[in-house]
Amino acid sequence: MIKEQKLQDFLDVLSSKEPVPGGGGASALCGAVGNALGQMVANLTIGKKKYADVEDEVKDFLEKMKALQCEFTELADDDARVFAPLAQSYSLPSETDEEKAYKAEVMEKNLLAASAVPIKIMEKSMEMLSILDRLADIGSKMAISDVGVAVQCTRTALLGAAMNVYINTKSMSDRNKAQELNDQSDRMIDEGSKLADSIYAKVLEKLK
């Protein structure tokens, strides 16, 4: 599990020929890093007299981010978990009609599962961007640059996960389901990118 790994150990495996972790796990980790920076901003805001009027709101965000942190790391593990059976299904025999039908059925099931995890990463990234948008307004001004970095990490999680959706839906036989997942990803990319741009512009304005 990613929670039990040292960062260097994770990077060593990520850079190797091992099939997992890959882009999906890396995307989830980017989300976790952006989340951690968001928590830091919250912790630097709580307890300061200057921000007493928003302390309850920031505390609420902090609790939400703690939950999201666990979800991001779990999704990194989930990505590895669903990829293994998908990789194995490609090597299933396909000589007879029965074998071909079984392989197609198994692959479709595994492709759907492998698409569902990055969709969840994208959804959690959207939640995180919403929190960062507000933290850019009410968080400690001393940590405004960290909000900006958090936004970029979270954007990477969002866009990286989307590519993992598309690479799986491309091979799905159920084109209606594939299009549904692609459309869902497209919407989040559009909304998330616009929100990330808005937050980043707000951060830059405060920095300059």
N, C-alpha and C. Protein backbone atom coordinates (compact mmCIF):
# COMPACT_ATOMS: atom_id res chain seq x y z
N MET A 1 0.83 -1.21 0.00
CA MET A 1 0.00 0.00 0.00
C MET A 1 0.86 1.25 0.00
N ILE A 2 0.38 2.27 -0.69
CA ILE A 2 1.17 3.51 -0.83
C ILE A 2 1.42 4.17 0.52
N LYS A 3 0.48 4.03 1.45
CA LYS A 3 0.64 4.65 2.77
C LYS A 3 1.83 4.07 3.52
N GLU A 4 2.16 2.83 3.21
CA GLU A 4 3.22 2.13 3.93
C GLU A 4 4.57 2.25 3.23
N GLN A 5 4.60 2.91 2.08
CA GLN A 5 5.84 3.05 1.33
C GLN A 5 6.54 4.37 1.63
N LYS A 6 7.85 4.31 1.59
CA LYS A 6 8.62 5.55 1.63
C LYS A 6 8.55 6.16 0.23
N LEU A 7 8.65 7.48 0.17
CA LEU A 7 8.54 8.17 -1.10
C LEU A 7 9.54 7.64 -2.12
N GLN A 8 10.78 7.43 -1.71
CA GLN A 8 11.80 6.95 -2.64
C GLN A 8 11.48 5.56 -3.14
N ASP A 9 10.92 4.72 -2.27
CA ASP A 9 10.53 3.37 -2.68
C ASP A 9 9.46 3.43 -3.76
N PHE A 10 8.49 4.33 -3.56
CA PHE A 10 7.42 4.49 -4.55
C PHE A 10 8.00 4.96 -5.88
N LEU A 11 8.91 5.94 -5.82
CA LEU A 11 9.51 6.47 -7.04
C LEU A 11 10.37 5.43 -7.75
N ASP A 12 11.04 4.60 -6.98
CA ASP A 12 11.87 3.55 -7.58
C ASP A 12 11.01 2.57 -8.37
N VAL A 13 9.89 2.17 -7.79
CA VAL A 13 9.00 1.23 -8.49
C VAL A 13 8.33 1.92 -9.67
N LEU A 14 7.95 3.18 -9.49
CA LEU A 14 7.30 3.94 -10.55
C LEU A 14 8.21 4.08 -11.77
N SER A 15 9.50 4.21 -11.53
CA SER A 15 10.45 4.40 -12.63
C SER A 15 10.92 3.08 -13.26
N SER A 16 10.52 1.97 -12.68
CA SER A 16 10.97 0.67 -13.16
C SER A 16 10.05 0.12 -14.27
N LYS A 17 10.31 -1.09 -14.69
CA LYS A 17 9.49 -1.74 -15.71
C LYS A 17 8.22 -2.36 -15.13
N GLU A 18 8.07 -2.30 -13.84
CA GLU A 18 6.87 -2.86 -13.21
C GLU A 18 5.62 -2.18 -13.77
N PRO A 19 4.55 -2.95 -13.99
CA PRO A 19 3.33 -2.37 -14.58
C PRO A 19 2.60 -1.39 -13.67
N VAL A 20 2.76 -1.60 -12.37
CA VAL A 20 2.14 -0.67 -11.41
C VAL A 20 3.16 -0.33 -10.33
N PRO A 21 3.11 0.89 -9.78
CA PRO A 21 2.19 1.96 -10.14
C PRO A 21 2.54 2.58 -11.49
N GLY A 22 1.53 3.23 -12.08
CA GLY A 22 1.74 3.91 -13.34
C GLY A 22 1.14 5.29 -13.29
N GLY A 23 0.64 5.75 -14.44
CA GLY A 23 0.11 7.10 -14.51
C GLY A 23 -1.08 7.35 -13.61
N GLY A 24 -1.91 6.33 -13.42
CA GLY A 24 -3.07 6.49 -12.54
C GLY A 24 -2.66 6.70 -11.09
N GLY A 25 -1.74 5.86 -10.63
CA GLY A 25 -1.25 6.01 -9.26
C GLY A 25 -0.52 7.31 -9.05
N ALA A 26 0.25 7.72 -10.07
CA ALA A 26 0.96 9.00 -9.99
C ALA A 26 -0.02 10.17 -9.93
N SER A 27 -1.11 10.07 -10.68
CA SER A 27 -2.13 11.12 -10.66
C SER A 27 -2.75 11.24 -9.28
N ALA A 28 -3.07 10.10 -8.69
CA ALA A 28 -3.65 10.10 -7.35
C ALA A 28 -2.68 10.69 -6.33
N LEU A 29 -1.39 10.38 -6.50
CA LEU A 29 -0.38 10.92 -5.60
C LEU A 29 -0.28 12.43 -5.74
N CYS A 30 -0.38 12.93 -6.96
CA CYS A 30 -0.38 14.38 -7.17
C CYS A 30 -1.56 15.02 -6.44
N GLY A 31 -2.71 14.35 -6.48
CA GLY A 31 -3.87 14.84 -5.75
C GLY A 31 -3.61 14.87 -4.26
N ALA A 32 -2.93 13.84 -3.75
CA ALA A 32 -2.62 13.77 -2.33
C ALA A 32 -1.65 14.88 -1.92
N VAL A 33 -0.70 15.19 -2.81
CA VAL A 33 0.26 16.27 -2.52
C VAL A 33 -0.44 17.62 -2.49
N GLY A 34 -1.31 17.85 -3.48
CA GLY A 34 -2.07 19.09 -3.50
C GLY A 34 -2.94 19.21 -2.26
N ASN A 35 -3.51 18.11 -1.87
CA ASN A 35 -4.34 18.07 -0.66
C ASN A 35 -3.52 18.42 0.58
N ALA A 36 -2.33 17.83 0.68
CA ALA A 36 -1.47 18.09 1.84
C ALA A 36 -1.11 19.57 1.95
N LEU A 37 -0.86 20.19 0.80
CA LEU A 37 -0.56 21.62 0.81
C LEU A 37 -1.79 22.43 1.25
N GLY A 38 -2.96 21.99 0.82
CA GLY A 38 -4.19 22.65 1.25
C GLY A 38 -4.36 22.55 2.76
N GLN A 39 -4.05 21.38 3.31
CA GLN A 39 -4.14 21.20 4.76
C GLN A 39 -3.14 22.11 5.47
N MET A 40 -1.95 22.26 4.89
CA MET A 40 -0.95 23.14 5.49
C MET A 40 -1.47 24.57 5.56
N VAL A 41 -2.09 25.02 4.48
CA VAL A 41 -2.64 26.38 4.46
C VAL A 41 -3.70 26.53 5.55
N ALA A 42 -4.55 25.52 5.68
CA ALA A 42 -5.59 25.56 6.71
C ALA A 42 -4.97 25.61 8.11
N ASN A 43 -3.96 24.79 8.33
CA ASN A 43 -3.32 24.75 9.65
C ASN A 43 -2.60 26.05 9.98
N LEU A 44 -2.09 26.73 8.95
CA LEU A 44 -1.42 28.01 9.17
C LEU A 44 -2.43 29.15 9.38
N THR A 45 -3.67 28.90 9.05
CA THR A 45 -4.72 29.92 9.20
C THR A 45 -5.43 29.79 10.55
N ILE A 46 -5.68 28.55 10.95
CA ILE A 46 -6.38 28.28 12.21
C ILE A 46 -5.55 28.76 13.40
N GLY A 47 -6.22 29.45 14.33
CA GLY A 47 -5.56 29.91 15.54
C GLY A 47 -4.99 31.31 15.45
N LYS A 48 -5.08 31.92 14.27
CA LYS A 48 -4.58 33.28 14.09
C LYS A 48 -5.73 34.29 14.29
N LYS A 49 -5.50 35.28 15.13
CA LYS A 49 -6.54 36.27 15.42
C LYS A 49 -7.06 36.95 14.15
N LYS A 50 -6.15 37.16 13.23
CA LYS A 50 -6.49 37.85 11.99
C LYS A 50 -7.56 37.11 11.19
N TYR A 51 -7.61 35.79 11.39
CA TYR A 51 -8.55 34.97 10.62
C TYR A 51 -9.61 34.32 11.51
N ALA A 52 -9.84 34.92 12.66
CA ALA A 52 -10.79 34.34 13.62
C ALA A 52 -12.20 34.22 13.05
N ASP A 53 -12.57 35.16 12.21
CA ASP A 53 -13.95 35.16 11.68
C ASP A 53 -14.19 34.04 10.67
N VAL A 54 -13.13 33.44 10.13
CA VAL A 54 -13.30 32.34 9.18
C VAL A 54 -12.76 31.02 9.74
N GLU A 55 -12.39 31.02 11.00
CA GLU A 55 -11.75 29.83 11.57
C GLU A 55 -12.64 28.60 11.49
N ASP A 56 -13.91 28.73 11.80
CA ASP A 56 -14.81 27.57 11.76
C ASP A 56 -14.91 26.99 10.36
N GLU A 57 -14.97 27.88 9.39
CA GLU A 57 -15.05 27.43 8.00
C GLU A 57 -13.77 26.72 7.59
N VAL A 58 -12.63 27.25 7.99
CA VAL A 58 -11.36 26.63 7.64
C VAL A 58 -11.21 25.28 8.36
N LYS A 59 -11.66 25.20 9.59
CA LYS A 59 -11.62 23.93 10.32
C LYS A 59 -12.46 22.87 9.60
N ASP A 60 -13.60 23.30 9.08
CA ASP A 60 -14.46 22.37 8.34
C ASP A 60 -13.76 21.88 7.08
N PHE A 61 -13.08 22.79 6.39
CA PHE A 61 -12.32 22.42 5.20
C PHE A 61 -11.21 21.43 5.56
N LEU A 62 -10.57 21.67 6.70
CA LEU A 62 -9.47 20.81 7.12
C LEU A 62 -9.95 19.37 7.32
N GLU A 63 -11.09 19.21 7.95
CA GLU A 63 -11.64 17.87 8.16
C GLU A 63 -11.98 17.21 6.83
N LYS A 64 -12.54 17.97 5.92
CA LYS A 64 -12.87 17.44 4.59
C LYS A 64 -11.60 17.03 3.85
N MET A 65 -10.55 17.83 3.99
CA MET A 65 -9.29 17.51 3.31
C MET A 65 -8.62 16.28 3.90
N LYS A 66 -8.75 16.09 5.20
CA LYS A 66 -8.19 14.88 5.82
C LYS A 66 -8.85 13.64 5.23
N ALA A 67 -10.16 13.70 5.04
CA ALA A 67 -10.88 12.57 4.45
C ALA A 67 -10.46 12.38 2.99
N LEU A 68 -10.31 13.48 2.27
CA LEU A 68 -9.89 13.40 0.87
C LEU A 68 -8.48 12.83 0.73
N GLN A 69 -7.62 13.16 1.68
CA GLN A 69 -6.25 12.65 1.66
C GLN A 69 -6.25 11.12 1.67
N CYS A 70 -7.08 10.56 2.54
CA CYS A 70 -7.19 9.09 2.62
C CYS A 70 -7.74 8.53 1.32
N GLU A 71 -8.70 9.23 0.73
CA GLU A 71 -9.30 8.75 -0.51
C GLU A 71 -8.30 8.78 -1.66
N PHE A 72 -7.49 9.81 -1.74
CA PHE A 72 -6.48 9.87 -2.80
C PHE A 72 -5.49 8.72 -2.69
N THR A 73 -5.01 8.45 -1.49
CA THR A 73 -4.03 7.37 -1.33
C THR A 73 -4.66 6.00 -1.57
N GLU A 74 -5.92 5.85 -1.17
CA GLU A 74 -6.62 4.59 -1.44
C GLU A 74 -6.83 4.40 -2.94
N LEU A 75 -7.11 5.49 -3.64
CA LEU A 75 -7.32 5.40 -5.08
C LEU A 75 -6.02 5.05 -5.81
N ALA A 76 -4.90 5.48 -5.28
CA ALA A 76 -3.61 5.09 -5.86
C ALA A 76 -3.44 3.58 -5.78
N ASP A 77 -3.83 3.01 -4.64
CA ASP A 77 -3.77 1.56 -4.48
C ASP A 77 -4.81 0.86 -5.35
N ASP A 78 -5.99 1.45 -5.43
CA ASP A 78 -7.06 0.87 -6.24
C ASP A 78 -6.66 0.81 -7.71
N ASP A 79 -5.95 1.84 -8.17
CA ASP A 79 -5.52 1.86 -9.56
C ASP A 79 -4.62 0.68 -9.87
N ALA A 80 -3.73 0.38 -8.96
CA ALA A 80 -2.84 -0.78 -9.15
C ALA A 80 -3.64 -2.08 -9.08
N ARG A 81 -4.61 -2.11 -8.18
CA ARG A 81 -5.42 -3.32 -7.99
C ARG A 81 -6.24 -3.67 -9.23
N VAL A 82 -6.83 -2.67 -9.88
CA VAL A 82 -7.68 -2.95 -11.04
C VAL A 82 -6.88 -3.16 -12.32
N PHE A 83 -5.64 -2.68 -12.34
CA PHE A 83 -4.84 -2.84 -13.56
C PHE A 83 -4.35 -4.27 -13.72
N ALA A 84 -4.04 -4.94 -12.62
CA ALA A 84 -3.49 -6.29 -12.69
C ALA A 84 -4.39 -7.26 -13.46
N PRO A 85 -5.68 -7.37 -13.12
CA PRO A 85 -6.53 -8.28 -13.89
C PRO A 85 -6.73 -7.85 -15.34
N LEU A 86 -6.69 -6.54 -15.59
CA LEU A 86 -6.82 -6.06 -16.97
C LEU A 86 -5.62 -6.52 -17.79
N ALA A 87 -4.43 -6.37 -17.23
CA ALA A 87 -3.22 -6.81 -17.92
C ALA A 87 -3.25 -8.30 -18.20
N GLN A 88 -3.74 -9.07 -17.23
CA GLN A 88 -3.81 -10.52 -17.39
C GLN A 88 -4.83 -10.92 -18.46
N SER A 89 -5.90 -10.15 -18.58
CA SER A 89 -6.96 -10.53 -19.52
C SER A 89 -6.50 -10.44 -20.97
N TYR A 90 -5.49 -9.63 -21.25
CA TYR A 90 -4.98 -9.52 -22.62
C TYR A 90 -4.31 -10.81 -23.08
N SER A 91 -3.83 -11.61 -22.14
CA SER A 91 -3.13 -12.85 -22.49
C SER A 91 -4.04 -14.07 -22.45
N LEU A 92 -5.34 -13.88 -22.25
CA LEU A 92 -6.27 -15.01 -22.25
C LEU A 92 -6.31 -15.65 -23.64
N PRO A 93 -6.48 -16.96 -23.71
CA PRO A 93 -6.53 -17.63 -25.02
C PRO A 93 -7.74 -17.17 -25.83
N SER A 94 -7.59 -17.13 -27.13
CA SER A 94 -8.68 -16.70 -28.00
C SER A 94 -8.68 -17.47 -29.31
N GLU A 95 -8.52 -18.77 -29.18
CA GLU A 95 -8.51 -19.64 -30.36
C GLU A 95 -9.92 -20.00 -30.80
N THR A 96 -10.73 -20.47 -29.88
CA THR A 96 -12.09 -20.89 -30.21
C THR A 96 -13.06 -19.73 -30.02
N ASP A 97 -14.27 -19.91 -30.54
CA ASP A 97 -15.31 -18.88 -30.38
C ASP A 97 -15.65 -18.69 -28.91
N GLU A 98 -15.66 -19.80 -28.18
CA GLU A 98 -15.97 -19.73 -26.75
C GLU A 98 -14.89 -18.94 -26.01
N GLU A 99 -13.65 -19.19 -26.35
CA GLU A 99 -12.54 -18.48 -25.73
C GLU A 99 -12.57 -17.00 -26.07
N LYS A 100 -12.89 -16.69 -27.32
CA LYS A 100 -12.97 -15.30 -27.75
C LYS A 100 -14.08 -14.56 -27.00
N ALA A 101 -15.21 -15.24 -26.86
CA ALA A 101 -16.35 -14.62 -26.18
C ALA A 101 -16.03 -14.38 -24.71
N TYR A 102 -15.37 -15.35 -24.09
CA TYR A 102 -15.01 -15.22 -22.67
C TYR A 102 -14.00 -14.11 -22.48
N LYS A 103 -13.01 -14.07 -23.37
CA LYS A 103 -11.98 -13.03 -23.27
C LYS A 103 -12.59 -11.65 -23.43
N ALA A 104 -13.50 -11.52 -24.39
CA ALA A 104 -14.15 -10.22 -24.62
C ALA A 104 -14.96 -9.79 -23.39
N GLU A 105 -15.64 -10.76 -22.78
CA GLU A 105 -16.45 -10.47 -21.59
C GLU A 105 -15.57 -10.03 -20.42
N VAL A 106 -14.48 -10.75 -20.20
CA VAL A 106 -13.57 -10.43 -19.10
C VAL A 106 -12.89 -9.09 -19.32
N MET A 107 -12.46 -8.84 -20.54
CA MET A 107 -11.79 -7.58 -20.85
C MET A 107 -12.72 -6.39 -20.66
N GLU A 108 -13.95 -6.55 -21.09
CA GLU A 108 -14.92 -5.46 -20.95
C GLU A 108 -15.14 -5.11 -19.48
N LYS A 109 -15.26 -6.15 -18.67
CA LYS A 109 -15.45 -5.97 -17.24
C LYS A 109 -14.25 -5.26 -16.61
N ASN A 110 -13.06 -5.70 -17.00
CA ASN A 110 -11.84 -5.12 -16.43
C ASN A 110 -11.56 -3.71 -16.95
N LEU A 111 -11.92 -3.44 -18.20
CA LEU A 111 -11.75 -2.09 -18.74
C LEU A 111 -12.67 -1.10 -18.03
N LEU A 112 -13.87 -1.55 -17.71
CA LEU A 112 -14.81 -0.69 -16.99
C LEU A 112 -14.28 -0.39 -15.59
N ALA A 113 -13.77 -1.42 -14.91
CA ALA A 113 -13.21 -1.23 -13.56
C ALA A 113 -12.00 -0.32 -13.60
N ALA A 114 -11.17 -0.46 -14.63
CA ALA A 114 -9.97 0.36 -14.76
C ALA A 114 -10.30 1.80 -15.12
N SER A 115 -11.49 2.03 -15.67
CA SER A 115 -11.93 3.40 -15.99
C SER A 115 -12.57 4.07 -14.78
N ALA A 116 -13.19 3.26 -13.93
CA ALA A 116 -13.92 3.81 -12.78
C ALA A 116 -12.99 4.47 -11.77
N VAL A 117 -11.81 3.92 -11.58
CA VAL A 117 -10.88 4.48 -10.58
C VAL A 117 -10.41 5.89 -10.97
N PRO A 118 -9.92 6.11 -12.20
CA PRO A 118 -9.52 7.47 -12.55
C PRO A 118 -10.69 8.46 -12.57
N ILE A 119 -11.89 7.98 -12.85
CA ILE A 119 -13.06 8.85 -12.76
C ILE A 119 -13.20 9.36 -11.33
N LYS A 120 -12.99 8.47 -10.37
CA LYS A 120 -13.08 8.86 -8.96
C LYS A 120 -11.96 9.83 -8.59
N ILE A 121 -10.77 9.63 -9.14
CA ILE A 121 -9.66 10.55 -8.89
C ILE A 121 -10.04 11.94 -9.39
N MET A 122 -10.66 11.98 -10.54
CA MET A 122 -11.10 13.26 -11.11
C MET A 122 -12.15 13.92 -10.21
N GLU A 123 -13.10 13.13 -9.73
CA GLU A 123 -14.15 13.68 -8.86
C GLU A 123 -13.56 14.25 -7.57
N LYS A 124 -12.61 13.54 -6.99
CA LYS A 124 -11.97 14.03 -5.76
C LYS A 124 -11.13 15.27 -6.04
N SER A 125 -10.54 15.34 -7.22
CA SER A 125 -9.77 16.52 -7.60
C SER A 125 -10.68 17.73 -7.73
N MET A 126 -11.87 17.52 -8.26
CA MET A 126 -12.84 18.61 -8.37
C MET A 126 -13.24 19.12 -6.98
N GLU A 127 -13.44 18.20 -6.05
CA GLU A 127 -13.76 18.59 -4.67
C GLU A 127 -12.62 19.41 -4.07
N MET A 128 -11.40 18.98 -4.34
CA MET A 128 -10.23 19.65 -3.79
C MET A 128 -10.08 21.05 -4.38
N LEU A 129 -10.33 21.20 -5.68
CA LEU A 129 -10.23 22.51 -6.32
C LEU A 129 -11.25 23.48 -5.73
N SER A 130 -12.43 22.98 -5.42
CA SER A 130 -13.46 23.82 -4.82
C SER A 130 -13.01 24.37 -3.47
N ILE A 131 -12.36 23.52 -2.68
CA ILE A 131 -11.84 23.95 -1.38
C ILE A 131 -10.72 24.97 -1.56
N LEU A 132 -9.82 24.69 -2.49
CA LEU A 132 -8.69 25.60 -2.72
C LEU A 132 -9.16 26.97 -3.21
N ASP A 133 -10.25 26.99 -3.95
CA ASP A 133 -10.80 28.24 -4.43
C ASP A 133 -11.16 29.14 -3.25
N ARG A 134 -11.76 28.55 -2.26
CA ARG A 134 -12.15 29.32 -1.08
C ARG A 134 -10.93 29.66 -0.21
N LEU A 135 -9.99 28.72 -0.09
CA LEU A 135 -8.79 28.98 0.71
C LEU A 135 -7.95 30.11 0.12
N ALA A 136 -8.02 30.27 -1.18
CA ALA A 136 -7.30 31.38 -1.82
C ALA A 136 -7.85 32.72 -1.36
N ASP A 137 -9.11 32.72 -0.95
CA ASP A 137 -9.75 33.96 -0.48
C ASP A 137 -9.58 34.19 1.02
N ILE A 138 -9.68 33.10 1.81
CA ILE A 138 -9.73 33.28 3.27
C ILE A 138 -8.52 32.71 4.00
N GLY A 139 -7.67 31.97 3.30
CA GLY A 139 -6.51 31.37 3.97
C GLY A 139 -5.43 32.39 4.28
N SER A 140 -4.48 31.99 5.10
CA SER A 140 -3.38 32.86 5.48
C SER A 140 -2.67 33.41 4.25
N LYS A 141 -2.49 34.72 4.22
CA LYS A 141 -1.80 35.35 3.09
C LYS A 141 -0.35 34.90 3.01
N MET A 142 0.20 34.48 4.15
CA MET A 142 1.58 34.01 4.17
C MET A 142 1.75 32.70 3.37
N ALA A 143 0.62 32.02 3.14
CA ALA A 143 0.69 30.72 2.45
C ALA A 143 -0.02 30.75 1.11
N ILE A 144 -0.25 31.93 0.57
CA ILE A 144 -0.99 32.03 -0.69
C ILE A 144 -0.27 31.33 -1.84
N SER A 145 1.06 31.35 -1.85
CA SER A 145 1.79 30.67 -2.92
C SER A 145 1.59 29.16 -2.83
N ASP A 146 1.40 28.66 -1.61
CA ASP A 146 1.17 27.22 -1.43
C ASP A 146 -0.20 26.81 -1.98
N VAL A 147 -1.16 27.72 -1.92
CA VAL A 147 -2.45 27.47 -2.55
C VAL A 147 -2.23 27.29 -4.05
N GLY A 148 -1.39 28.15 -4.62
CA GLY A 148 -1.11 28.07 -6.05
C GLY A 148 -0.46 26.76 -6.45
N VAL A 149 0.49 26.31 -5.65
CA VAL A 149 1.15 25.03 -5.93
C VAL A 149 0.16 23.88 -5.78
N ALA A 150 -0.68 23.98 -4.75
CA ALA A 150 -1.70 22.96 -4.52
C ALA A 150 -2.65 22.85 -5.71
N VAL A 151 -2.99 23.99 -6.27
CA VAL A 151 -3.88 24.02 -7.44
C VAL A 151 -3.24 23.29 -8.62
N GLN A 152 -1.96 23.55 -8.85
CA GLN A 152 -1.29 22.93 -9.99
C GLN A 152 -1.13 21.42 -9.79
N CYS A 153 -0.87 21.01 -8.57
CA CYS A 153 -0.79 19.57 -8.28
C CYS A 153 -2.14 18.91 -8.51
N THR A 154 -3.19 19.58 -8.06
CA THR A 154 -4.53 19.03 -8.19
C THR A 154 -4.96 19.01 -9.65
N ARG A 155 -4.58 20.04 -10.39
CA ARG A 155 -4.87 20.07 -11.83
C ARG A 155 -4.21 18.87 -12.52
N THR A 156 -2.98 18.58 -12.15
CA THR A 156 -2.27 17.44 -12.72
C THR A 156 -2.99 16.13 -12.41
N ALA A 157 -3.49 16.02 -11.19
CA ALA A 157 -4.26 14.83 -10.80
C ALA A 157 -5.48 14.68 -11.69
N LEU A 158 -6.17 15.79 -11.91
CA LEU A 158 -7.39 15.79 -12.72
C LEU A 158 -7.10 15.40 -14.17
N LEU A 159 -6.15 16.08 -14.80
CA LEU A 159 -5.86 15.84 -16.21
C LEU A 159 -5.16 14.51 -16.43
N GLY A 160 -4.32 14.12 -15.49
CA GLY A 160 -3.64 12.84 -15.61
C GLY A 160 -4.61 11.69 -15.52
N ALA A 161 -5.55 11.78 -14.59
CA ALA A 161 -6.55 10.72 -14.43
C ALA A 161 -7.42 10.62 -15.67
N ALA A 162 -7.72 11.75 -16.29
CA ALA A 162 -8.56 11.75 -17.50
C ALA A 162 -7.94 10.90 -18.60
N MET A 163 -6.63 11.00 -18.76
CA MET A 163 -5.97 10.21 -19.79
C MET A 163 -6.08 8.71 -19.52
N ASN A 164 -6.14 8.36 -18.24
CA ASN A 164 -6.30 6.96 -17.88
C ASN A 164 -7.72 6.47 -18.12
N VAL A 165 -8.67 7.39 -18.11
CA VAL A 165 -10.03 7.04 -18.51
C VAL A 165 -10.05 6.76 -20.01
N TYR A 166 -9.52 7.69 -20.79
CA TYR A 166 -9.59 7.61 -22.24
C TYR A 166 -8.87 6.38 -22.81
N ILE A 167 -7.73 6.02 -22.21
CA ILE A 167 -6.98 4.89 -22.76
C ILE A 167 -7.73 3.57 -22.55
N ASN A 168 -8.57 3.54 -21.51
CA ASN A 168 -9.37 2.34 -21.25
C ASN A 168 -10.67 2.33 -22.04
N THR A 169 -11.35 3.46 -22.10
CA THR A 169 -12.62 3.50 -22.83
C THR A 169 -12.40 3.28 -24.33
N LYS A 170 -11.23 3.61 -24.81
CA LYS A 170 -10.92 3.43 -26.23
C LYS A 170 -11.05 1.97 -26.65
N SER A 171 -10.79 1.06 -25.72
CA SER A 171 -10.81 -0.38 -26.04
C SER A 171 -12.13 -1.06 -25.67
N MET A 172 -13.05 -0.32 -25.08
CA MET A 172 -14.31 -0.92 -24.66
C MET A 172 -15.22 -1.23 -25.84
N SER A 173 -15.93 -2.36 -25.77
CA SER A 173 -16.87 -2.74 -26.82
C SER A 173 -18.17 -1.97 -26.70
N ASP A 174 -18.58 -1.71 -25.47
CA ASP A 174 -19.81 -0.95 -25.23
C ASP A 174 -19.51 0.53 -25.47
N ARG A 175 -19.75 0.97 -26.69
CA ARG A 175 -19.38 2.33 -27.05
C ARG A 175 -20.26 3.37 -26.37
N ASN A 176 -21.50 2.99 -26.03
CA ASN A 176 -22.37 3.93 -25.32
C ASN A 176 -21.83 4.22 -23.93
N LYS A 177 -21.38 3.16 -23.24
CA LYS A 177 -20.80 3.33 -21.90
C LYS A 177 -19.49 4.08 -22.00
N ALA A 178 -18.71 3.77 -23.02
CA ALA A 178 -17.43 4.45 -23.22
C ALA A 178 -17.66 5.94 -23.43
N GLN A 179 -18.66 6.28 -24.25
CA GLN A 179 -18.95 7.68 -24.52
C GLN A 179 -19.45 8.39 -23.27
N GLU A 180 -20.23 7.67 -22.46
CA GLU A 180 -20.72 8.24 -21.20
C GLU A 180 -19.57 8.61 -20.27
N LEU A 181 -18.60 7.72 -20.16
CA LEU A 181 -17.43 7.98 -19.31
C LEU A 181 -16.56 9.09 -19.90
N ASN A 182 -16.42 9.10 -21.22
CA ASN A 182 -15.65 10.15 -21.86
C ASN A 182 -16.31 11.52 -21.67
N ASP A 183 -17.62 11.55 -21.81
CA ASP A 183 -18.35 12.81 -21.62
C ASP A 183 -18.21 13.32 -20.19
N GLN A 184 -18.27 12.39 -19.24
CA GLN A 184 -18.11 12.75 -17.83
C GLN A 184 -16.73 13.34 -17.59
N SER A 185 -15.73 12.72 -18.19
CA SER A 185 -14.36 13.22 -18.06
C SER A 185 -14.21 14.58 -18.73
N ASP A 186 -14.79 14.71 -19.92
CA ASP A 186 -14.72 15.98 -20.65
C ASP A 186 -15.28 17.13 -19.83
N ARG A 187 -16.42 16.89 -19.18
CA ARG A 187 -17.05 17.93 -18.37
C ARG A 187 -16.16 18.35 -17.22
N MET A 188 -15.57 17.35 -16.55
CA MET A 188 -14.71 17.68 -15.41
C MET A 188 -13.44 18.39 -15.85
N ILE A 189 -12.90 17.99 -16.99
CA ILE A 189 -11.71 18.68 -17.52
C ILE A 189 -12.04 20.14 -17.79
N ASP A 190 -13.17 20.38 -18.43
CA ASP A 190 -13.56 21.74 -18.77
C ASP A 190 -13.80 22.58 -17.52
N GLU A 191 -14.62 22.07 -16.61
CA GLU A 191 -14.94 22.81 -15.39
C GLU A 191 -13.71 22.95 -14.49
N GLY A 192 -12.96 21.86 -14.34
CA GLY A 192 -11.80 21.88 -13.46
C GLY A 192 -10.69 22.78 -13.96
N SER A 193 -10.46 22.77 -15.27
CA SER A 193 -9.41 23.61 -15.84
C SER A 193 -9.75 25.09 -15.69
N LYS A 194 -11.01 25.42 -15.92
CA LYS A 194 -11.44 26.81 -15.77
C LYS A 194 -11.30 27.26 -14.31
N LEU A 195 -11.69 26.38 -13.39
CA LEU A 195 -11.59 26.73 -11.98
C LEU A 195 -10.14 26.86 -11.55
N ALA A 196 -9.29 25.92 -11.99
CA ALA A 196 -7.87 25.97 -11.64
C ALA A 196 -7.22 27.24 -12.20
N ASP A 197 -7.56 27.61 -13.42
CA ASP A 197 -7.04 28.84 -14.01
C ASP A 197 -7.46 30.05 -13.19
N SER A 198 -8.71 30.06 -12.77
CA SER A 198 -9.25 31.18 -11.99
C SER A 198 -8.54 31.31 -10.64
N ILE A 199 -8.35 30.17 -9.98
CA ILE A 199 -7.68 30.20 -8.67
C ILE A 199 -6.23 30.65 -8.82
N TYR A 200 -5.54 30.09 -9.83
CA TYR A 200 -4.13 30.42 -10.05
C TYR A 200 -3.97 31.90 -10.37
N ALA A 201 -4.88 32.43 -11.18
CA ALA A 201 -4.82 33.87 -11.51
C ALA A 201 -5.03 34.71 -10.25
N LYS A 202 -5.91 34.27 -9.39
CA LYS A 202 -6.18 34.96 -8.13
C LYS A 202 -4.94 34.94 -7.24
N VAL A 203 -4.27 33.80 -7.22
CA VAL A 203 -3.04 33.66 -6.42
C VAL A 203 -1.95 34.59 -6.96
N LEU A 204 -1.76 34.58 -8.27
CA LEU A 204 -0.73 35.43 -8.86
C LEU A 204 -1.00 36.92 -8.60
N GLU A 205 -2.26 37.29 -8.65
CA GLU A 205 -2.62 38.68 -8.40
C GLU A 205 -2.24 39.08 -6.99
N LYS A 206 -2.44 38.18 -6.04
CA LYS A 206 -2.10 38.49 -4.65
C LYS A 206 -0.59 38.46 -4.42
N LEU A 207 0.11 37.64 -5.16
CA LEU A 207 1.56 37.55 -5.01
C LEU A 207 2.26 38.78 -5.59
N LYS A 208 1.72 39.31 -6.67
CA LYS A 208 2.35 40.46 -7.32
C LYS A 208 1.81 41.76 -6.78
